[in-house]
Amino acid sequence: QLQLVESGGGLVQPGGSLRLSCAASVFTLDYYAIGWFRQAPGKEREGVSCISSSGGSTNYADSVKGRFTISRDNAKNTVYLQMNSLKPEDTAVYYCAADPQYGSSCPLLKPYNYWGQGTQVTVSS
């Protein structure tokens, strides 16, 4: 079974940056679309960004466009989310998820089968 492990979360001041990593154990991520999702206390989980299996297609939520960048390094079996110009409203638990069924696309509004345990991101002064 595919296992995903997120890392890179932490406390950062507004305007700062963090890079989240999503690493897979056991299986290669080559054939999986990967999504980053987040959930803040008392709020629904929302899609943040995703990248297709080849890396040729990406999507971003409007709230993070121009600030966040998703990338993947299949040789390292890792997907990254570079987060710049962080705002307090970016505070949430961030999860990565994977699914092999989406081919050359990566939807943010469809289900993903495999999930990591999450990493906390807190943006506060």
PDB file of N, CA and C in Angstrom:
ATOM      1  N   GLN A   1       0.841  -1.195   0.000  1.00  0.00           N
ATOM      2  CA  GLN A   1       0.000   0.000   0.000  1.00  0.00           C
ATOM      3  C   GLN A   1       0.877   1.247   0.000  1.00  0.00           C
ATOM      4  N   LEU A   2       0.481   2.209  -0.832  1.00  0.00           N
ATOM      5  CA  LEU A   2       1.238   3.453  -0.906  1.00  0.00           C
ATOM      6  C   LEU A   2       1.145   4.205   0.410  1.00  0.00           C
ATOM      7  N   GLN A   3       2.283   4.650   0.917  1.00  0.00           N
ATOM      8  CA  GLN A   3       2.313   5.446   2.131  1.00  0.00           C
ATOM      9  C   GLN A   3       2.975   6.778   1.819  1.00  0.00           C
ATOM     10  N   LEU A   4       2.350   7.839   2.292  1.00  0.00           N
ATOM     11  CA  LEU A   4       2.835   9.188   2.047  1.00  0.00           C
ATOM     12  C   LEU A   4       3.211   9.840   3.369  1.00  0.00           C
ATOM     13  N   VAL A   5       4.317  10.562   3.370  1.00  0.00           N
ATOM     14  CA  VAL A   5       4.774  11.244   4.577  1.00  0.00           C
ATOM     15  C   VAL A   5       5.076  12.693   4.228  1.00  0.00           C
ATOM     16  N   GLU A   6       4.360  13.604   4.911  1.00  0.00           N
ATOM     17  CA  GLU A   6       4.600  15.025   4.710  1.00  0.00           C
ATOM     18  C   GLU A   6       5.639  15.530   5.719  1.00  0.00           C
ATOM     19  N   SER A   7       6.374  16.548   5.318  1.00  0.00           N
ATOM     20  CA  SER A   7       7.314  17.208   6.218  1.00  0.00           C
ATOM     21  C   SER A   7       7.500  18.649   5.768  1.00  0.00           C
ATOM     22  N   GLY A   8       8.108  19.439   6.644  1.00  0.00           N
ATOM     23  CA  GLY A   8       8.426  20.818   6.279  1.00  0.00           C
ATOM     24  C   GLY A   8       7.529  21.868   6.896  1.00  0.00           C
ATOM     25  N   GLY A   9       6.502  21.437   7.619  1.00  0.00           N
ATOM     26  CA  GLY A   9       5.637  22.420   8.259  1.00  0.00           C
ATOM     27  C   GLY A   9       6.336  23.085   9.431  1.00  0.00           C
ATOM     28  N   GLY A  10       5.672  24.096   9.968  1.00  0.00           N
ATOM     29  CA  GLY A  10       6.235  24.801  11.115  1.00  0.00           C
ATOM     30  C   GLY A  10       5.582  26.140  11.328  1.00  0.00           C
ATOM     31  N   LEU A  11       6.217  26.937  12.165  1.00  0.00           N
ATOM     32  CA  LEU A  11       5.744  28.281  12.477  1.00  0.00           C
ATOM     33  C   LEU A  11       6.552  29.287  11.665  1.00  0.00           C
ATOM     34  N   VAL A  12       5.870  30.187  10.996  1.00  0.00           N
ATOM     35  CA  VAL A  12       6.543  31.189  10.177  1.00  0.00           C
ATOM     36  C   VAL A  12       5.795  32.510  10.305  1.00  0.00           C
ATOM     37  N   GLN A  13       6.523  33.598  10.185  1.00  0.00           N
ATOM     38  CA  GLN A  13       5.885  34.911  10.264  1.00  0.00           C
ATOM     39  C   GLN A  13       5.189  35.246   8.951  1.00  0.00           C
ATOM     40  N   PRO A  14       4.182  36.099   9.005  1.00  0.00           N
ATOM     41  CA  PRO A  14       3.547  36.546   7.749  1.00  0.00           C
ATOM     42  C   PRO A  14       4.578  37.098   6.777  1.00  0.00           C
ATOM     43  N   GLY A  15       4.420  36.721   5.520  1.00  0.00           N
ATOM     44  CA  GLY A  15       5.377  37.112   4.498  1.00  0.00           C
ATOM     45  C   GLY A  15       6.505  36.136   4.315  1.00  0.00           C
ATOM     46  N   GLY A  16       6.617  35.179   5.208  1.00  0.00           N
ATOM     47  CA  GLY A  16       7.692  34.197   5.132  1.00  0.00           C
ATOM     48  C   GLY A  16       7.394  33.067   4.163  1.00  0.00           C
ATOM     49  N   SER A  17       8.305  32.099   4.136  1.00  0.00           N
ATOM     50  CA  SER A  17       8.208  30.969   3.207  1.00  0.00           C
ATOM     51  C   SER A  17       8.431  29.652   3.927  1.00  0.00           C
ATOM     52  N   LEU A  18       7.837  28.632   3.365  1.00  0.00           N
ATOM     53  CA  LEU A  18       8.073  27.252   3.793  1.00  0.00           C
ATOM     54  C   LEU A  18       8.033  26.374   2.554  1.00  0.00           C
ATOM     55  N   ARG A  19       8.738  25.254   2.624  1.00  0.00           N
ATOM     56  CA  ARG A  19       8.627  24.254   1.568  1.00  0.00           C
ATOM     57  C   ARG A  19       8.196  22.941   2.187  1.00  0.00           C
ATOM     58  N   LEU A  20       7.036  22.474   1.766  1.00  0.00           N
ATOM     59  CA  LEU A  20       6.534  21.185   2.212  1.00  0.00           C
ATOM     60  C   LEU A  20       7.001  20.095   1.261  1.00  0.00           C
ATOM     61  N   SER A  21       7.244  18.931   1.827  1.00  0.00           N
ATOM     62  CA  SER A  21       7.625  17.767   1.027  1.00  0.00           C
ATOM     63  C   SER A  21       6.650  16.634   1.280  1.00  0.00           C
ATOM     64  N   CYS A  22       6.408  15.870   0.238  1.00  0.00           N
ATOM     65  CA  CYS A  22       5.557  14.681   0.331  1.00  0.00           C
ATOM     66  C   CYS A  22       6.363  13.543  -0.262  1.00  0.00           C
ATOM     67  N   ALA A  23       6.765  12.622   0.591  1.00  0.00           N
ATOM     68  CA  ALA A  23       7.594  11.511   0.147  1.00  0.00           C
ATOM     69  C   ALA A  23       6.805  10.211   0.229  1.00  0.00           C
ATOM     70  N   ALA A  24       7.072   9.340  -0.714  1.00  0.00           N
ATOM     71  CA  ALA A  24       6.392   8.056  -0.756  1.00  0.00           C
ATOM     72  C   ALA A  24       7.349   6.947  -0.365  1.00  0.00           C
ATOM     73  N   SER A  25       6.805   5.996   0.374  1.00  0.00           N
ATOM     74  CA  SER A  25       7.604   4.817   0.715  1.00  0.00           C
ATOM     75  C   SER A  25       7.006   3.613  -0.008  1.00  0.00           C
ATOM     76  N   VAL A  26       7.806   2.659  -0.256  1.00  0.00           N
ATOM     77  CA  VAL A  26       7.433   1.379  -0.846  1.00  0.00           C
ATOM     78  C   VAL A  26       7.216   1.466  -2.358  1.00  0.00           C
ATOM     79  N   PHE A  27       6.308   2.357  -2.783  1.00  0.00           N
ATOM     80  CA  PHE A  27       5.989   2.420  -4.200  1.00  0.00           C
ATOM     81  C   PHE A  27       6.478   3.724  -4.821  1.00  0.00           C
ATOM     82  N   THR A  28       6.686   3.687  -6.134  1.00  0.00           N
ATOM     83  CA  THR A  28       7.060   4.884  -6.854  1.00  0.00           C
ATOM     84  C   THR A  28       5.849   5.775  -7.065  1.00  0.00           C
ATOM     85  N   LEU A  29       6.097   7.078  -7.062  1.00  0.00           N
ATOM     86  CA  LEU A  29       5.024   8.045  -7.310  1.00  0.00           C
ATOM     87  C   LEU A  29       4.853   8.359  -8.793  1.00  0.00           C
ATOM     88  N   ASP A  30       5.643   7.722  -9.637  1.00  0.00           N
ATOM     89  CA  ASP A  30       5.677   8.078 -11.050  1.00  0.00           C
ATOM     90  C   ASP A  30       4.308   8.103 -11.718  1.00  0.00           C
ATOM     91  N   TYR A  31       3.419   7.228 -11.281  1.00  0.00           N
ATOM     92  CA  TYR A  31       2.150   7.082 -11.990  1.00  0.00           C
ATOM     93  C   TYR A  31       0.981   7.747 -11.267  1.00  0.00           C
ATOM     94  N   TYR A  32       1.304   8.545 -10.249  1.00  0.00           N
ATOM     95  CA  TYR A  32       0.265   9.130  -9.418  1.00  0.00           C
ATOM     96  C   TYR A  32       0.179  10.638  -9.597  1.00  0.00           C
ATOM     97  N   ALA A  33      -1.042  11.124  -9.754  1.00  0.00           N
ATOM     98  CA  ALA A  33      -1.274  12.547  -9.550  1.00  0.00           C
ATOM     99  C   ALA A  33      -1.188  12.811  -8.050  1.00  0.00           C
ATOM    100  N   ILE A  34      -0.606  13.945  -7.687  1.00  0.00           N
ATOM    101  CA  ILE A  34      -0.437  14.303  -6.292  1.00  0.00           C
ATOM    102  C   ILE A  34      -1.146  15.620  -6.022  1.00  0.00           C
ATOM    103  N   GLY A  35      -1.895  15.647  -4.935  1.00  0.00           N
ATOM    104  CA  GLY A  35      -2.568  16.875  -4.535  1.00  0.00           C
ATOM    105  C   GLY A  35      -2.148  17.293  -3.138  1.00  0.00           C
ATOM    106  N   TRP A  36      -2.119  18.599  -2.931  1.00  0.00           N
ATOM    107  CA  TRP A  36      -1.955  19.156  -1.592  1.00  0.00           C
ATOM    108  C   TRP A  36      -3.297  19.745  -1.161  1.00  0.00           C
ATOM    109  N   PHE A  37      -3.702  19.399   0.043  1.00  0.00           N
ATOM    110  CA  PHE A  37      -4.958  19.874   0.604  1.00  0.00           C
ATOM    111  C   PHE A  37      -4.661  20.451   1.986  1.00  0.00           C
ATOM    112  N   ARG A  38      -5.566  21.264   2.476  1.00  0.00           N
ATOM    113  CA  ARG A  38      -5.365  21.804   3.816  1.00  0.00           C
ATOM    114  C   ARG A  38      -6.694  21.903   4.539  1.00  0.00           C
ATOM    115  N   GLN A  39      -6.605  21.860   5.861  1.00  0.00           N
ATOM    116  CA  GLN A  39      -7.805  22.000   6.675  1.00  0.00           C
ATOM    117  C   GLN A  39      -7.465  22.835   7.887  1.00  0.00           C
ATOM    118  N   ALA A  40      -8.155  23.950   8.000  1.00  0.00           N
ATOM    119  CA  ALA A  40      -8.005  24.829   9.154  1.00  0.00           C
ATOM    120  C   ALA A  40      -9.060  24.461  10.186  1.00  0.00           C
ATOM    121  N   PRO A  41      -8.826  24.786  11.459  1.00  0.00           N
ATOM    122  CA  PRO A  41      -9.796  24.452  12.503  1.00  0.00           C
ATOM    123  C   PRO A  41     -11.175  25.025  12.195  1.00  0.00           C
ATOM    124  N   GLY A  42     -12.177  24.177  12.270  1.00  0.00           N
ATOM    125  CA  GLY A  42     -13.545  24.617  12.049  1.00  0.00           C
ATOM    126  C   GLY A  42     -13.931  24.841  10.599  1.00  0.00           C
ATOM    127  N   LYS A  43     -13.014  24.487   9.689  1.00  0.00           N
ATOM    128  CA  LYS A  43     -13.288  24.697   8.259  1.00  0.00           C
ATOM    129  C   LYS A  43     -13.222  23.372   7.507  1.00  0.00           C
ATOM    130  N   GLU A  44     -13.846  23.377   6.328  1.00  0.00           N
ATOM    131  CA  GLU A  44     -13.791  22.198   5.470  1.00  0.00           C
ATOM    132  C   GLU A  44     -12.396  22.084   4.846  1.00  0.00           C
ATOM    133  N   ARG A  45     -12.042  20.858   4.522  1.00  0.00           N
ATOM    134  CA  ARG A  45     -10.790  20.637   3.803  1.00  0.00           C
ATOM    135  C   ARG A  45     -10.911  21.233   2.403  1.00  0.00           C
ATOM    136  N   GLU A  46      -9.834  21.871   1.959  1.00  0.00           N
ATOM    137  CA  GLU A  46      -9.857  22.464   0.622  1.00  0.00           C
ATOM    138  C   GLU A  46      -8.620  22.051  -0.171  1.00  0.00           C
ATOM    139  N   GLY A  47      -8.791  21.968  -1.466  1.00  0.00           N
ATOM    140  CA  GLY A  47      -7.669  21.680  -2.346  1.00  0.00           C
ATOM    141  C   GLY A  47      -6.810  22.913  -2.523  1.00  0.00           C
ATOM    142  N   VAL A  48      -5.517  22.736  -2.450  1.00  0.00           N
ATOM    143  CA  VAL A  48      -4.577  23.844  -2.563  1.00  0.00           C
ATOM    144  C   VAL A  48      -3.883  23.817  -3.925  1.00  0.00           C
ATOM    145  N   SER A  49      -3.344  22.660  -4.271  1.00  0.00           N
ATOM    146  CA  SER A  49      -2.616  22.544  -5.524  1.00  0.00           C
ATOM    147  C   SER A  49      -2.471  21.073  -5.875  1.00  0.00           C
ATOM    148  N   CYS A  50      -2.267  20.810  -7.154  1.00  0.00           N
ATOM    149  CA  CYS A  50      -2.025  19.426  -7.556  1.00  0.00           C
ATOM    150  C   CYS A  50      -1.135  19.406  -8.792  1.00  0.00           C
ATOM    151  N   ILE A  51      -0.551  18.229  -9.031  1.00  0.00           N
ATOM    152  CA  ILE A  51       0.343  18.058 -10.166  1.00  0.00           C
ATOM    153  C   ILE A  51       0.106  16.672 -10.756  1.00  0.00           C
ATOM    154  N   SER A  52       0.076  16.613 -12.073  1.00  0.00           N
ATOM    155  CA  SER A  52      -0.178  15.344 -12.737  1.00  0.00           C
ATOM    156  C   SER A  52       1.023  14.404 -12.604  1.00  0.00           C
ATOM    157  N   SER A  53       0.842  13.164 -12.995  1.00  0.00           N
ATOM    158  CA  SER A  53       1.903  12.166 -12.829  1.00  0.00           C
ATOM    159  C   SER A  53       3.169  12.552 -13.597  1.00  0.00           C
ATOM    160  N   SER A  54       3.006  13.159 -14.762  1.00  0.00           N
ATOM    161  CA  SER A  54       4.171  13.557 -15.562  1.00  0.00           C
ATOM    162  C   SER A  54       4.737  14.908 -15.141  1.00  0.00           C
ATOM    163  N   GLY A  55       3.951  15.640 -14.372  1.00  0.00           N
ATOM    164  CA  GLY A  55       4.347  16.994 -14.009  1.00  0.00           C
ATOM    165  C   GLY A  55       3.944  18.027 -15.037  1.00  0.00           C
ATOM    166  N   GLY A  56       3.288  17.584 -16.101  1.00  0.00           N
ATOM    167  CA  GLY A  56       2.949  18.500 -17.170  1.00  0.00           C
ATOM    168  C   GLY A  56       1.721  19.343 -16.912  1.00  0.00           C
ATOM    169  N   SER A  57       0.938  18.976 -15.911  1.00  0.00           N
ATOM    170  CA  SER A  57      -0.274  19.721 -15.601  1.00  0.00           C
ATOM    171  C   SER A  57      -0.306  20.039 -14.119  1.00  0.00           C
ATOM    172  N   THR A  58      -0.614  21.282 -13.808  1.00  0.00           N
ATOM    173  CA  THR A  58      -0.745  21.697 -12.408  1.00  0.00           C
ATOM    174  C   THR A  58      -2.018  22.526 -12.246  1.00  0.00           C
ATOM    175  N   ASN A  59      -2.519  22.558 -11.039  1.00  0.00           N
ATOM    176  CA  ASN A  59      -3.664  23.392 -10.697  1.00  0.00           C
ATOM    177  C   ASN A  59      -3.431  24.048  -9.345  1.00  0.00           C
ATOM    178  N   TYR A  60      -4.006  25.222  -9.177  1.00  0.00           N
ATOM    179  CA  TYR A  60      -3.876  25.943  -7.916  1.00  0.00           C
ATOM    180  C   TYR A  60      -5.224  26.532  -7.528  1.00  0.00           C
ATOM    181  N   ALA A  61      -5.480  26.548  -6.236  1.00  0.00           N
ATOM    182  CA  ALA A  61      -6.630  27.292  -5.734  1.00  0.00           C
ATOM    183  C   ALA A  61      -6.377  28.782  -5.956  1.00  0.00           C
ATOM    184  N   ASP A  62      -7.445  29.529  -6.193  1.00  0.00           N
ATOM    185  CA  ASP A  62      -7.295  30.970  -6.436  1.00  0.00           C
ATOM    186  C   ASP A  62      -6.579  31.658  -5.276  1.00  0.00           C
ATOM    187  N   SER A  63      -6.809  31.171  -4.080  1.00  0.00           N
ATOM    188  CA  SER A  63      -6.250  31.820  -2.893  1.00  0.00           C
ATOM    189  C   SER A  63      -4.728  31.708  -2.790  1.00  0.00           C
ATOM    190  N   VAL A  64      -4.120  30.789  -3.561  1.00  0.00           N
ATOM    191  CA  VAL A  64      -2.669  30.595  -3.458  1.00  0.00           C
ATOM    192  C   VAL A  64      -1.937  30.866  -4.770  1.00  0.00           C
ATOM    193  N   LYS A  65      -2.681  31.158  -5.817  1.00  0.00           N
ATOM    194  CA  LYS A  65      -2.044  31.415  -7.121  1.00  0.00           C
ATOM    195  C   LYS A  65      -1.058  32.566  -7.012  1.00  0.00           C
ATOM    196  N   GLY A  66       0.114  32.360  -7.590  1.00  0.00           N
ATOM    197  CA  GLY A  66       1.148  33.382  -7.560  1.00  0.00           C
ATOM    198  C   GLY A  66       2.001  33.343  -6.310  1.00  0.00           C
ATOM    199  N   ARG A  67       1.586  32.558  -5.314  1.00  0.00           N
ATOM    200  CA  ARG A  67       2.360  32.466  -4.064  1.00  0.00           C
ATOM    201  C   ARG A  67       2.923  31.069  -3.845  1.00  0.00           C
ATOM    202  N   PHE A  68       2.174  30.049  -4.254  1.00  0.00           N
ATOM    203  CA  PHE A  68       2.582  28.661  -4.035  1.00  0.00           C
ATOM    204  C   PHE A  68       3.000  28.049  -5.380  1.00  0.00           C
ATOM    205  N   THR A  69       3.976  27.153  -5.309  1.00  0.00           N
ATOM    206  CA  THR A  69       4.418  26.429  -6.497  1.00  0.00           C
ATOM    207  C   THR A  69       4.584  24.958  -6.160  1.00  0.00           C
ATOM    208  N   ILE A  70       3.947  24.118  -6.956  1.00  0.00           N
ATOM    209  CA  ILE A  70       4.065  22.685  -6.763  1.00  0.00           C
ATOM    210  C   ILE A  70       5.052  22.128  -7.790  1.00  0.00           C
ATOM    211  N   SER A  71       5.827  21.135  -7.365  1.00  0.00           N
ATOM    212  CA  SER A  71       6.781  20.493  -8.270  1.00  0.00           C
ATOM    213  C   SER A  71       6.988  19.061  -7.810  1.00  0.00           C
ATOM    214  N   ARG A  72       7.573  18.278  -8.698  1.00  0.00           N
ATOM    215  CA  ARG A  72       7.834  16.895  -8.318  1.00  0.00           C
ATOM    216  C   ARG A  72       9.192  16.475  -8.842  1.00  0.00           C
ATOM    217  N   ASP A  73       9.824  15.599  -8.074  1.00  0.00           N
ATOM    218  CA  ASP A  73      11.099  14.999  -8.463  1.00  0.00           C
ATOM    219  C   ASP A  73      10.896  13.497  -8.369  1.00  0.00           C
ATOM    220  N   ASN A  74      10.556  12.898  -9.489  1.00  0.00           N
ATOM    221  CA  ASN A  74      10.247  11.469  -9.470  1.00  0.00           C
ATOM    222  C   ASN A  74      11.473  10.624  -9.123  1.00  0.00           C
ATOM    223  N   ALA A  75      12.650  11.118  -9.405  1.00  0.00           N
ATOM    224  CA  ALA A  75      13.864  10.374  -9.046  1.00  0.00           C
ATOM    225  C   ALA A  75      14.000  10.252  -7.533  1.00  0.00           C
ATOM    226  N   LYS A  76      13.500  11.274  -6.827  1.00  0.00           N
ATOM    227  CA  LYS A  76      13.535  11.254  -5.361  1.00  0.00           C
ATOM    228  C   LYS A  76      12.215  10.803  -4.765  1.00  0.00           C
ATOM    229  N   ASN A  77      11.256  10.482  -5.654  1.00  0.00           N
ATOM    230  CA  ASN A  77       9.946  10.010  -5.179  1.00  0.00           C
ATOM    231  C   ASN A  77       9.302  11.023  -4.235  1.00  0.00           C
ATOM    232  N   THR A  78       9.426  12.290  -4.576  1.00  0.00           N
ATOM    233  CA  THR A  78       8.987  13.364  -3.683  1.00  0.00           C
ATOM    234  C   THR A  78       8.292  14.466  -4.476  1.00  0.00           C
ATOM    235  N   VAL A  79       7.257  15.019  -3.864  1.00  0.00           N
ATOM    236  CA  VAL A  79       6.566  16.180  -4.413  1.00  0.00           C
ATOM    237  C   VAL A  79       6.713  17.319  -3.412  1.00  0.00           C
ATOM    238  N   TYR A  80       6.898  18.524  -3.935  1.00  0.00           N
ATOM    239  CA  TYR A  80       7.142  19.689  -3.086  1.00  0.00           C
ATOM    240  C   TYR A  80       6.037  20.729  -3.261  1.00  0.00           C
ATOM    241  N   LEU A  81       5.805  21.479  -2.202  1.00  0.00           N
ATOM    242  CA  LEU A  81       4.940  22.654  -2.284  1.00  0.00           C
ATOM    243  C   LEU A  81       5.714  23.822  -1.703  1.00  0.00           C
ATOM    244  N   GLN A  82       6.197  24.684  -2.575  1.00  0.00           N
ATOM    245  CA  GLN A  82       6.891  25.892  -2.135  1.00  0.00           C
ATOM    246  C   GLN A  82       5.863  26.966  -1.844  1.00  0.00           C
ATOM    247  N   MET A  83       5.856  27.454  -0.621  1.00  0.00           N
ATOM    248  CA  MET A  83       4.860  28.434  -0.194  1.00  0.00           C
ATOM    249  C   MET A  83       5.571  29.734   0.157  1.00  0.00           C
ATOM    250  N   ASN A  84       5.303  30.771  -0.592  1.00  0.00           N
ATOM    251  CA  ASN A  84       5.890  32.081  -0.359  1.00  0.00           C
ATOM    252  C   ASN A  84       4.809  33.080   0.038  1.00  0.00           C
ATOM    253  N   SER A  85       5.241  34.205   0.573  1.00  0.00           N
ATOM    254  CA  SER A  85       4.319  35.287   0.962  1.00  0.00           C
ATOM    255  C   SER A  85       3.172  34.743   1.807  1.00  0.00           C
ATOM    256  N   LEU A  86       3.523  33.965   2.781  1.00  0.00           N
ATOM    257  CA  LEU A  86       2.498  33.307   3.597  1.00  0.00           C
ATOM    258  C   LEU A  86       1.681  34.313   4.392  1.00  0.00           C
ATOM    259  N   LYS A  87       0.411  33.975   4.549  1.00  0.00           N
ATOM    260  CA  LYS A  87      -0.542  34.818   5.261  1.00  0.00           C
ATOM    261  C   LYS A  87      -1.114  34.041   6.436  1.00  0.00           C
ATOM    262  N   PRO A  88      -1.609  34.737   7.437  1.00  0.00           N
ATOM    263  CA  PRO A  88      -2.218  34.028   8.573  1.00  0.00           C
ATOM    264  C   PRO A  88      -3.329  33.072   8.137  1.00  0.00           C
ATOM    265  N   GLU A  89      -4.052  33.420   7.088  1.00  0.00           N
ATOM    266  CA  GLU A  89      -5.134  32.549   6.632  1.00  0.00           C
ATOM    267  C   GLU A  89      -4.637  31.279   5.945  1.00  0.00           C
ATOM    268  N   ASP A  90      -3.325  31.157   5.754  1.00  0.00           N
ATOM    269  CA  ASP A  90      -2.766  29.909   5.245  1.00  0.00           C
ATOM    270  C   ASP A  90      -2.554  28.887   6.370  1.00  0.00           C
ATOM    271  N   THR A  91      -2.766  29.304   7.599  1.00  0.00           N
ATOM    272  CA  THR A  91      -2.602  28.404   8.734  1.00  0.00           C
ATOM    273  C   THR A  91      -3.569  27.234   8.633  1.00  0.00           C
ATOM    274  N   ALA A  92      -3.037  26.028   8.690  1.00  0.00           N
ATOM    275  CA  ALA A  92      -3.852  24.817   8.541  1.00  0.00           C
ATOM    276  C   ALA A  92      -2.944  23.603   8.673  1.00  0.00           C
ATOM    277  N   VAL A  93      -3.568  22.450   8.752  1.00  0.00           N
ATOM    278  CA  VAL A  93      -2.847  21.192   8.561  1.00  0.00           C
ATOM    279  C   VAL A  93      -2.860  20.893   7.060  1.00  0.00           C
ATOM    280  N   TYR A  94      -1.685  20.657   6.527  1.00  0.00           N
ATOM    281  CA  TYR A  94      -1.535  20.396   5.097  1.00  0.00           C
ATOM    282  C   TYR A  94      -1.318  18.893   4.880  1.00  0.00           C
ATOM    283  N   TYR A  95      -2.078  18.354   3.945  1.00  0.00           N
ATOM    284  CA  TYR A  95      -2.006  16.941   3.614  1.00  0.00           C
ATOM    285  C   TYR A  95      -1.630  16.769   2.147  1.00  0.00           C
ATOM    286  N   CYS A  96      -0.841  15.755   1.861  1.00  0.00           N
ATOM    287  CA  CYS A  96      -0.669  15.378   0.466  1.00  0.00           C
ATOM    288  C   CYS A  96      -1.460  14.103   0.226  1.00  0.00           C
ATOM    289  N   ALA A  97      -1.884  13.954  -1.017  1.00  0.00           N
ATOM    290  CA  ALA A  97      -2.693  12.811  -1.407  1.00  0.00           C
ATOM    291  C   ALA A  97      -2.287  12.376  -2.804  1.00  0.00           C
ATOM    292  N   ALA A  98      -2.511  11.104  -3.091  1.00  0.00           N
ATOM    293  CA  ALA A  98      -2.096  10.548  -4.378  1.00  0.00           C
ATOM    294  C   ALA A  98      -3.187   9.666  -4.955  1.00  0.00           C
ATOM    295  N   ASP A  99      -3.236   9.630  -6.273  1.00  0.00           N
ATOM    296  CA  ASP A  99      -4.171   8.743  -6.942  1.00  0.00           C
ATOM    297  C   ASP A  99      -3.657   8.452  -8.348  1.00  0.00           C
ATOM    298  N   PRO A 100      -3.731   7.203  -8.790  1.00  0.00           N
ATOM    299  CA  PRO A 100      -3.204   6.851 -10.112  1.00  0.00           C
ATOM    300  C   PRO A 100      -4.210   6.981 -11.250  1.00  0.00           C
ATOM    301  N   GLN A 101      -5.470   7.363 -10.935  1.00  0.00           N
ATOM    302  CA  GLN A 101      -6.514   7.242 -11.941  1.00  0.00           C
ATOM    303  C   GLN A 101      -6.675   8.456 -12.838  1.00  0.00           C
ATOM    304  N   TYR A 102      -5.925   9.544 -12.608  1.00  0.00           N
ATOM    305  CA  TYR A 102      -6.231  10.791 -13.296  1.00  0.00           C
ATOM    306  C   TYR A 102      -5.376  11.051 -14.536  1.00  0.00           C
ATOM    307  N   GLY A 103      -4.558  10.110 -14.916  1.00  0.00           N
ATOM    308  CA  GLY A 103      -3.832  10.222 -16.166  1.00  0.00           C
ATOM    309  C   GLY A 103      -2.987  11.472 -16.243  1.00  0.00           C
ATOM    310  N   SER A 104      -3.225  12.270 -17.268  1.00  0.00           N
ATOM    311  CA  SER A 104      -2.415  13.463 -17.496  1.00  0.00           C
ATOM    312  C   SER A 104      -3.001  14.697 -16.831  1.00  0.00           C
ATOM    313  N   SER A 105      -4.009  14.502 -15.996  1.00  0.00           N
ATOM    314  CA  SER A 105      -4.614  15.658 -15.327  1.00  0.00           C
ATOM    315  C   SER A 105      -4.446  15.538 -13.819  1.00  0.00           C
ATOM    316  N   CYS A 106      -4.868  16.559 -13.115  1.00  0.00           N
ATOM    317  CA  CYS A 106      -4.861  16.494 -11.659  1.00  0.00           C
ATOM    318  C   CYS A 106      -5.994  17.345 -11.139  1.00  0.00           C
ATOM    319  N   PRO A 107      -7.104  16.756 -10.801  1.00  0.00           N
ATOM    320  CA  PRO A 107      -8.233  17.535 -10.300  1.00  0.00           C
ATOM    321  C   PRO A 107      -8.091  17.871  -8.827  1.00  0.00           C
ATOM    322  N   LEU A 108      -8.593  19.016  -8.438  1.00  0.00           N
ATOM    323  CA  LEU A 108      -8.614  19.391  -7.019  1.00  0.00           C
ATOM    324  C   LEU A 108      -9.956  19.087  -6.379  1.00  0.00           C
ATOM    325  N   LEU A 109     -10.958  18.797  -7.193  1.00  0.00           N
ATOM    326  CA  LEU A 109     -12.307  18.591  -6.669  1.00  0.00           C
ATOM    327  C   LEU A 109     -12.786  17.158  -6.795  1.00  0.00           C
ATOM    328  N   LYS A 110     -11.862  16.234  -7.044  1.00  0.00           N
ATOM    329  CA  LYS A 110     -12.221  14.828  -7.107  1.00  0.00           C
ATOM    330  C   LYS A 110     -11.468  14.062  -6.031  1.00  0.00           C
ATOM    331  N   PRO A 111     -11.949  12.879  -5.673  1.00  0.00           N
ATOM    332  CA  PRO A 111     -11.320  12.157  -4.560  1.00  0.00           C
ATOM    333  C   PRO A 111      -9.947  11.592  -4.896  1.00  0.00           C
ATOM    334  N   TYR A 112      -9.107  11.540  -3.881  1.00  0.00           N
ATOM    335  CA  TYR A 112      -7.802  10.907  -3.958  1.00  0.00           C
ATOM    336  C   TYR A 112      -7.793   9.723  -2.988  1.00  0.00           C
ATOM    337  N   ASN A 113      -7.165   8.650  -3.402  1.00  0.00           N
ATOM    338  CA  ASN A 113      -7.262   7.418  -2.628  1.00  0.00           C
ATOM    339  C   ASN A 113      -6.300   7.317  -1.462  1.00  0.00           C
ATOM    340  N   TYR A 114      -5.113   7.890  -1.594  1.00  0.00           N
ATOM    341  CA  TYR A 114      -4.064   7.701  -0.590  1.00  0.00           C
ATOM    342  C   TYR A 114      -3.706   9.042   0.033  1.00  0.00           C
ATOM    343  N   TRP A 115      -3.596   9.037   1.358  1.00  0.00           N
ATOM    344  CA  TRP A 115      -3.385  10.285   2.093  1.00  0.00           C
ATOM    345  C   TRP A 115      -2.255  10.148   3.093  1.00  0.00           C
ATOM    346  N   GLY A 116      -1.538  11.236   3.288  1.00  0.00           N
ATOM    347  CA  GLY A 116      -0.565  11.309   4.365  1.00  0.00           C
ATOM    348  C   GLY A 116      -1.227  11.731   5.666  1.00  0.00           C
ATOM    349  N   GLN A 117      -0.429  11.841   6.705  1.00  0.00           N
ATOM    350  CA  GLN A 117      -0.951  12.164   8.028  1.00  0.00           C
ATOM    351  C   GLN A 117      -1.020  13.661   8.282  1.00  0.00           C
ATOM    352  N   GLY A 118      -0.403  14.458   7.450  1.00  0.00           N
ATOM    353  CA  GLY A 118      -0.509  15.906   7.578  1.00  0.00           C
ATOM    354  C   GLY A 118       0.663  16.531   8.301  1.00  0.00           C
ATOM    355  N   THR A 119       0.878  17.799   7.995  1.00  0.00           N
ATOM    356  CA  THR A 119       1.902  18.594   8.679  1.00  0.00           C
ATOM    357  C   THR A 119       1.320  19.968   8.968  1.00  0.00           C
ATOM    358  N   GLN A 120       1.553  20.464  10.164  1.00  0.00           N
ATOM    359  CA  GLN A 120       0.967  21.728  10.595  1.00  0.00           C
ATOM    360  C   GLN A 120       1.772  22.904  10.058  1.00  0.00           C
ATOM    361  N   VAL A 121       1.052  23.856   9.492  1.00  0.00           N
ATOM    362  CA  VAL A 121       1.639  25.130   9.082  1.00  0.00           C
ATOM    363  C   VAL A 121       0.939  26.234   9.854  1.00  0.00           C
ATOM    364  N   THR A 122       1.708  27.021  10.571  1.00  0.00           N
ATOM    365  CA  THR A 122       1.156  28.124  11.344  1.00  0.00           C
ATOM    366  C   THR A 122       1.847  29.410  10.921  1.00  0.00           C
ATOM    367  N   VAL A 123       1.045  30.374  10.487  1.00  0.00           N
ATOM    368  CA  VAL A 123       1.573  31.668  10.053  1.00  0.00           C
ATOM    369  C   VAL A 123       1.108  32.702  11.062  1.00  0.00           C
ATOM    370  N   SER A 124       2.055  33.199  11.824  1.00  0.00           N
ATOM    371  CA  SER A 124       1.703  34.119  12.909  1.00  0.00           C
ATOM    372  C   SER A 124       2.916  34.949  13.293  1.00  0.00           C
ATOM    373  N   SER A 125       2.637  36.169  13.719  1.00  0.00           N
ATOM    374  CA  SER A 125       3.716  37.018  14.215  1.00  0.00           C
ATOM    375  C   SER A 125       3.852  36.887  15.728  1.00  0.00           C
TER     376      SER A 125
END
